[in-house]
Amino acid sequence: MEPQKYILKVETGHKSGAGTNADVYIRLNGSSYDDEFNLDCPGTNLFEEGATNSFLFEAKTNLGNIDSLFIEIGKSDNDSPPWLLYRIEVSTYIGTDLKKWTFFINDWFSPILQIEDPNYHEGAMDHALIYSSGIYTGLSINQPIARDFAKRPIKCF
């Protein structure tokens, strides 16, 4: 298996209060393989209102066609407000051909919070399985992300 480089662009919504400090994990579900990453760049404010964050990472191998992705959000500190995730774009080169998959979400995510928590956002999900067709679910139909992969290198730009 040859490693394959991917670029992931994550766009936060443009509504007031759309950004978050929470930990964000992603699993790319490909037609050939799946791989997962912690979207973290120490010392960088990620997922700010209206921002697009870009990540370069190396998957274990070519994942094939990216059919879906699994997003999970975890509480990173005492200030992890809900996050309005607008869109995710995944791209890679196969030879000289650029392959690109876009997932439109435009929905709120939040760590599991109690209703009395000031950061609580009614209807926000802590995880979701998102298909390229735009259909997604917050139901627990997929295995949670293991989070033991967090030490893998990822580059932000």
C-alpha atoms as a PDB file:
ATOM      1  CA  MET A   1       0.000   0.000   0.000  1.00  0.00           C
ATOM      2  CA  GLU A   2       1.282   3.390  -1.033  1.00  0.00           C
ATOM      3  CA  PRO A   3       0.406   6.407   1.155  1.00  0.00           C
ATOM      4  CA  GLN A   4      -1.831   9.004  -0.507  1.00  0.00           C
ATOM      5  CA  LYS A   5      -1.883  12.747   0.252  1.00  0.00           C
ATOM      6  CA  TYR A   6      -5.216  14.515   0.665  1.00  0.00           C
ATOM      7  CA  ILE A   7      -6.255  18.125   1.181  1.00  0.00           C
ATOM      8  CA  LEU A   8      -9.250  18.743   3.387  1.00  0.00           C
ATOM      9  CA  LYS A   9     -10.972  22.152   3.453  1.00  0.00           C
ATOM     10  CA  VAL A  10     -13.399  22.744   6.296  1.00  0.00           C
ATOM     11  CA  GLU A  11     -15.657  25.794   6.119  1.00  0.00           C
ATOM     12  CA  THR A  12     -17.362  27.155   9.210  1.00  0.00           C
ATOM     13  CA  GLY A  13     -20.699  28.921   8.768  1.00  0.00           C
ATOM     14  CA  HIS A  14     -21.094  32.688   8.592  1.00  0.00           C
ATOM     15  CA  LYS A  15     -23.679  33.129  11.354  1.00  0.00           C
ATOM     16  CA  SER A  16     -22.805  34.896  14.575  1.00  0.00           C
ATOM     17  CA  GLY A  17     -21.378  32.429  17.093  1.00  0.00           C
ATOM     18  CA  ALA A  18     -20.669  29.770  14.445  1.00  0.00           C
ATOM     19  CA  GLY A  19     -17.077  29.044  15.553  1.00  0.00           C
ATOM     20  CA  THR A  20     -15.857  26.586  18.177  1.00  0.00           C
ATOM     21  CA  ASN A  21     -12.804  25.553  20.213  1.00  0.00           C
ATOM     22  CA  ALA A  22     -13.939  21.928  20.416  1.00  0.00           C
ATOM     23  CA  ASP A  23     -11.852  18.985  19.220  1.00  0.00           C
ATOM     24  CA  VAL A  24     -12.918  17.825  15.753  1.00  0.00           C
ATOM     25  CA  TYR A  25     -12.316  14.317  14.416  1.00  0.00           C
ATOM     26  CA  ILE A  26     -13.038  13.037  10.927  1.00  0.00           C
ATOM     27  CA  ARG A  27     -13.131   9.635   9.245  1.00  0.00           C
ATOM     28  CA  LEU A  28     -13.084   9.534   5.450  1.00  0.00           C
ATOM     29  CA  ASN A  29     -15.047   6.522   4.219  1.00  0.00           C
ATOM     30  CA  GLY A  30     -13.687   5.515   0.833  1.00  0.00           C
ATOM     31  CA  SER A  31     -14.749   2.795  -1.566  1.00  0.00           C
ATOM     32  CA  SER A  32     -11.400   1.049  -0.955  1.00  0.00           C
ATOM     33  CA  TYR A  33     -10.333   2.068   2.568  1.00  0.00           C
ATOM     34  CA  ASP A  34     -11.249   4.344   5.480  1.00  0.00           C
ATOM     35  CA  ASP A  35      -8.892   6.599   7.431  1.00  0.00           C
ATOM     36  CA  GLU A  36      -9.381   9.002  10.312  1.00  0.00           C
ATOM     37  CA  PHE A  37      -7.719  12.127  11.649  1.00  0.00           C
ATOM     38  CA  ASN A  38      -7.853  14.642  14.471  1.00  0.00           C
ATOM     39  CA  LEU A  39      -8.195  18.086  12.876  1.00  0.00           C
ATOM     40  CA  ASP A  40      -5.853  19.920  15.197  1.00  0.00           C
ATOM     41  CA  CYS A  41      -3.005  22.360  14.687  1.00  0.00           C
ATOM     42  CA  PRO A  42      -1.529  23.395  18.053  1.00  0.00           C
ATOM     43  CA  GLY A  43      -1.248  27.149  18.448  1.00  0.00           C
ATOM     44  CA  THR A  44      -3.758  27.833  15.646  1.00  0.00           C
ATOM     45  CA  ASN A  45      -7.331  29.045  16.128  1.00  0.00           C
ATOM     46  CA  LEU A  46      -9.368  26.715  13.960  1.00  0.00           C
ATOM     47  CA  PHE A  47     -13.061  26.714  13.035  1.00  0.00           C
ATOM     48  CA  GLU A  48     -13.658  30.438  13.511  1.00  0.00           C
ATOM     49  CA  GLU A  49     -16.849  32.056  12.234  1.00  0.00           C
ATOM     50  CA  GLY A  50     -16.764  32.284   8.407  1.00  0.00           C
ATOM     51  CA  ALA A  51     -13.281  30.761   8.136  1.00  0.00           C
ATOM     52  CA  THR A  52     -12.038  28.019   5.846  1.00  0.00           C
ATOM     53  CA  ASN A  53      -9.350  25.830   7.400  1.00  0.00           C
ATOM     54  CA  SER A  54      -7.190  23.677   5.149  1.00  0.00           C
ATOM     55  CA  PHE A  55      -5.367  20.517   6.184  1.00  0.00           C
ATOM     56  CA  LEU A  56      -2.832  18.366   4.357  1.00  0.00           C
ATOM     57  CA  PHE A  57      -2.589  14.777   5.532  1.00  0.00           C
ATOM     58  CA  GLU A  58      -1.323  11.461   4.340  1.00  0.00           C
ATOM     59  CA  ALA A  59      -3.727   8.535   4.350  1.00  0.00           C
ATOM     60  CA  LYS A  60      -2.380   5.010   4.700  1.00  0.00           C
ATOM     61  CA  THR A  61      -3.290   4.379   1.062  1.00  0.00           C
ATOM     62  CA  ASN A  62      -5.568   5.623  -1.722  1.00  0.00           C
ATOM     63  CA  LEU A  63      -9.035   5.550  -0.166  1.00  0.00           C
ATOM     64  CA  GLY A  64     -10.856   5.290  -3.500  1.00  0.00           C
ATOM     65  CA  ASN A  65     -14.024   7.280  -4.076  1.00  0.00           C
ATOM     66  CA  ILE A  66     -14.939   9.166  -0.872  1.00  0.00           C
ATOM     67  CA  ASP A  67     -18.525   7.995  -0.351  1.00  0.00           C
ATOM     68  CA  SER A  68     -19.113   9.544   3.053  1.00  0.00           C
ATOM     69  CA  LEU A  69     -17.401  11.048   6.046  1.00  0.00           C
ATOM     70  CA  PHE A  70     -17.989  10.753   9.751  1.00  0.00           C
ATOM     71  CA  ILE A  71     -17.569  13.861  11.905  1.00  0.00           C
ATOM     72  CA  GLU A  72     -17.292  13.763  15.668  1.00  0.00           C
ATOM     73  CA  ILE A  73     -16.902  16.746  17.950  1.00  0.00           C
ATOM     74  CA  GLY A  74     -15.515  16.520  21.473  1.00  0.00           C
ATOM     75  CA  LYS A  75     -15.309  19.011  24.298  1.00  0.00           C
ATOM     76  CA  SER A  76     -11.764  20.366  24.465  1.00  0.00           C
ATOM     77  CA  ASP A  77     -12.100  22.758  27.391  1.00  0.00           C
ATOM     78  CA  ASN A  78     -14.711  24.666  29.350  1.00  0.00           C
ATOM     79  CA  ASP A  79     -15.399  26.915  26.374  1.00  0.00           C
ATOM     80  CA  SER A  80     -16.477  24.629  23.523  1.00  0.00           C
ATOM     81  CA  PRO A  81     -19.440  26.381  21.952  1.00  0.00           C
ATOM     82  CA  PRO A  82     -21.554  24.792  19.218  1.00  0.00           C
ATOM     83  CA  TRP A  83     -20.085  24.831  15.723  1.00  0.00           C
ATOM     84  CA  LEU A  84     -21.895  25.601  12.479  1.00  0.00           C
ATOM     85  CA  LEU A  85     -20.192  23.327   9.954  1.00  0.00           C
ATOM     86  CA  TYR A  86     -21.037  24.604   6.488  1.00  0.00           C
ATOM     87  CA  ARG A  87     -19.043  22.502   4.031  1.00  0.00           C
ATOM     88  CA  ILE A  88     -16.160  20.026   3.721  1.00  0.00           C
ATOM     89  CA  GLU A  89     -14.155  19.510   0.560  1.00  0.00           C
ATOM     90  CA  VAL A  90     -11.738  16.597   0.103  1.00  0.00           C
ATOM     91  CA  SER A  91      -9.287  16.491  -2.802  1.00  0.00           C
ATOM     92  CA  THR A  92      -6.329  14.450  -4.011  1.00  0.00           C
ATOM     93  CA  TYR A  93      -4.368  13.774  -7.166  1.00  0.00           C
ATOM     94  CA  ILE A  94      -4.502  10.318  -8.711  1.00  0.00           C
ATOM     95  CA  GLY A  95      -1.634  10.531 -11.157  1.00  0.00           C
ATOM     96  CA  THR A  96      -2.265  13.894 -12.849  1.00  0.00           C
ATOM     97  CA  ASP A  97      -6.040  13.822 -12.327  1.00  0.00           C
ATOM     98  CA  LEU A  98      -7.508  15.988  -9.578  1.00  0.00           C
ATOM     99  CA  LYS A  99     -10.291  14.195  -7.681  1.00  0.00           C
ATOM    100  CA  LYS A 100     -12.600  16.305  -5.526  1.00  0.00           C
ATOM    101  CA  TRP A 101     -15.562  15.522  -3.260  1.00  0.00           C
ATOM    102  CA  THR A 102     -17.728  18.203  -1.656  1.00  0.00           C
ATOM    103  CA  PHE A 103     -20.020  17.617   1.309  1.00  0.00           C
ATOM    104  CA  PHE A 104     -22.565  20.346   2.133  1.00  0.00           C
ATOM    105  CA  ILE A 105     -23.697  20.168   5.747  1.00  0.00           C
ATOM    106  CA  ASN A 106     -24.815  23.592   7.053  1.00  0.00           C
ATOM    107  CA  ASP A 107     -25.769  22.243  10.463  1.00  0.00           C
ATOM    108  CA  TRP A 108     -24.792  22.666  14.106  1.00  0.00           C
ATOM    109  CA  PHE A 109     -22.477  20.349  16.024  1.00  0.00           C
ATOM    110  CA  SER A 110     -21.774  20.443  19.722  1.00  0.00           C
ATOM    111  CA  PRO A 111     -20.152  18.277  22.367  1.00  0.00           C
ATOM    112  CA  ILE A 112     -22.659  16.491  24.572  1.00  0.00           C
ATOM    113  CA  LEU A 113     -23.873  19.267  26.870  1.00  0.00           C
ATOM    114  CA  GLN A 114     -26.522  19.544  29.512  1.00  0.00           C
ATOM    115  CA  ILE A 115     -29.477  21.771  28.622  1.00  0.00           C
ATOM    116  CA  GLU A 116     -28.527  24.218  31.410  1.00  0.00           C
ATOM    117  CA  ASP A 117     -25.010  24.678  29.928  1.00  0.00           C
ATOM    118  CA  PRO A 118     -24.703  28.212  28.426  1.00  0.00           C
ATOM    119  CA  ASN A 119     -23.148  26.666  25.278  1.00  0.00           C
ATOM    120  CA  TYR A 120     -26.103  24.324  24.706  1.00  0.00           C
ATOM    121  CA  HIS A 121     -27.630  24.578  21.220  1.00  0.00           C
ATOM    122  CA  GLU A 122     -30.930  22.745  20.714  1.00  0.00           C
ATOM    123  CA  GLY A 123     -30.719  20.223  17.882  1.00  0.00           C
ATOM    124  CA  ALA A 124     -26.919  20.237  17.679  1.00  0.00           C
ATOM    125  CA  MET A 125     -25.305  16.838  17.045  1.00  0.00           C
ATOM    126  CA  ASP A 126     -22.051  15.571  18.551  1.00  0.00           C
ATOM    127  CA  HIS A 127     -21.430  13.340  15.510  1.00  0.00           C
ATOM    128  CA  ALA A 128     -22.857  12.653  12.069  1.00  0.00           C
ATOM    129  CA  LEU A 129     -22.387  10.405   9.062  1.00  0.00           C
ATOM    130  CA  ILE A 130     -22.491  12.594   5.945  1.00  0.00           C
ATOM    131  CA  TYR A 131     -22.932  11.293   2.399  1.00  0.00           C
ATOM    132  CA  SER A 132     -21.894  13.076  -0.782  1.00  0.00           C
ATOM    133  CA  SER A 133     -25.598  13.173  -1.745  1.00  0.00           C
ATOM    134  CA  GLY A 134     -26.100  15.613   1.127  1.00  0.00           C
ATOM    135  CA  ILE A 135     -28.017  13.120   3.256  1.00  0.00           C
ATOM    136  CA  TYR A 136     -26.678  12.831   6.781  1.00  0.00           C
ATOM    137  CA  THR A 137     -27.688  11.544  10.127  1.00  0.00           C
ATOM    138  CA  GLY A 138     -26.738  12.198  13.720  1.00  0.00           C
ATOM    139  CA  LEU A 139     -27.915   8.719  14.627  1.00  0.00           C
ATOM    140  CA  SER A 140     -25.367   6.357  16.105  1.00  0.00           C
ATOM    141  CA  ILE A 141     -25.183   4.034  13.092  1.00  0.00           C
ATOM    142  CA  ASN A 142     -21.426   4.185  12.752  1.00  0.00           C
ATOM    143  CA  GLN A 143     -18.635   3.289  15.164  1.00  0.00           C
ATOM    144  CA  PRO A 144     -17.323   6.294  17.099  1.00  0.00           C
ATOM    145  CA  ILE A 145     -13.859   7.396  16.114  1.00  0.00           C
ATOM    146  CA  ALA A 146     -11.188   5.601  18.124  1.00  0.00           C
ATOM    147  CA  ARG A 147      -9.120   8.755  18.762  1.00  0.00           C
ATOM    148  CA  ASP A 148      -5.925   6.709  19.103  1.00  0.00           C
ATOM    149  CA  PHE A 149      -4.828   8.163  15.772  1.00  0.00           C
ATOM    150  CA  ALA A 150      -4.477  11.669  17.211  1.00  0.00           C
ATOM    151  CA  LYS A 151      -0.667  11.535  17.110  1.00  0.00           C
ATOM    152  CA  ARG A 152      -0.572  11.213  13.309  1.00  0.00           C
ATOM    153  CA  PRO A 153       0.946  14.250  11.615  1.00  0.00           C
ATOM    154  CA  ILE A 154      -1.349  16.691   9.888  1.00  0.00           C
ATOM    155  CA  LYS A 155      -0.363  20.028   8.369  1.00  0.00           C
ATOM    156  CA  CYS A 156      -2.505  23.162   8.453  1.00  0.00           C
ATOM    157  CA  PHE A 157      -2.301  25.938   5.904  1.00  0.00           C
END
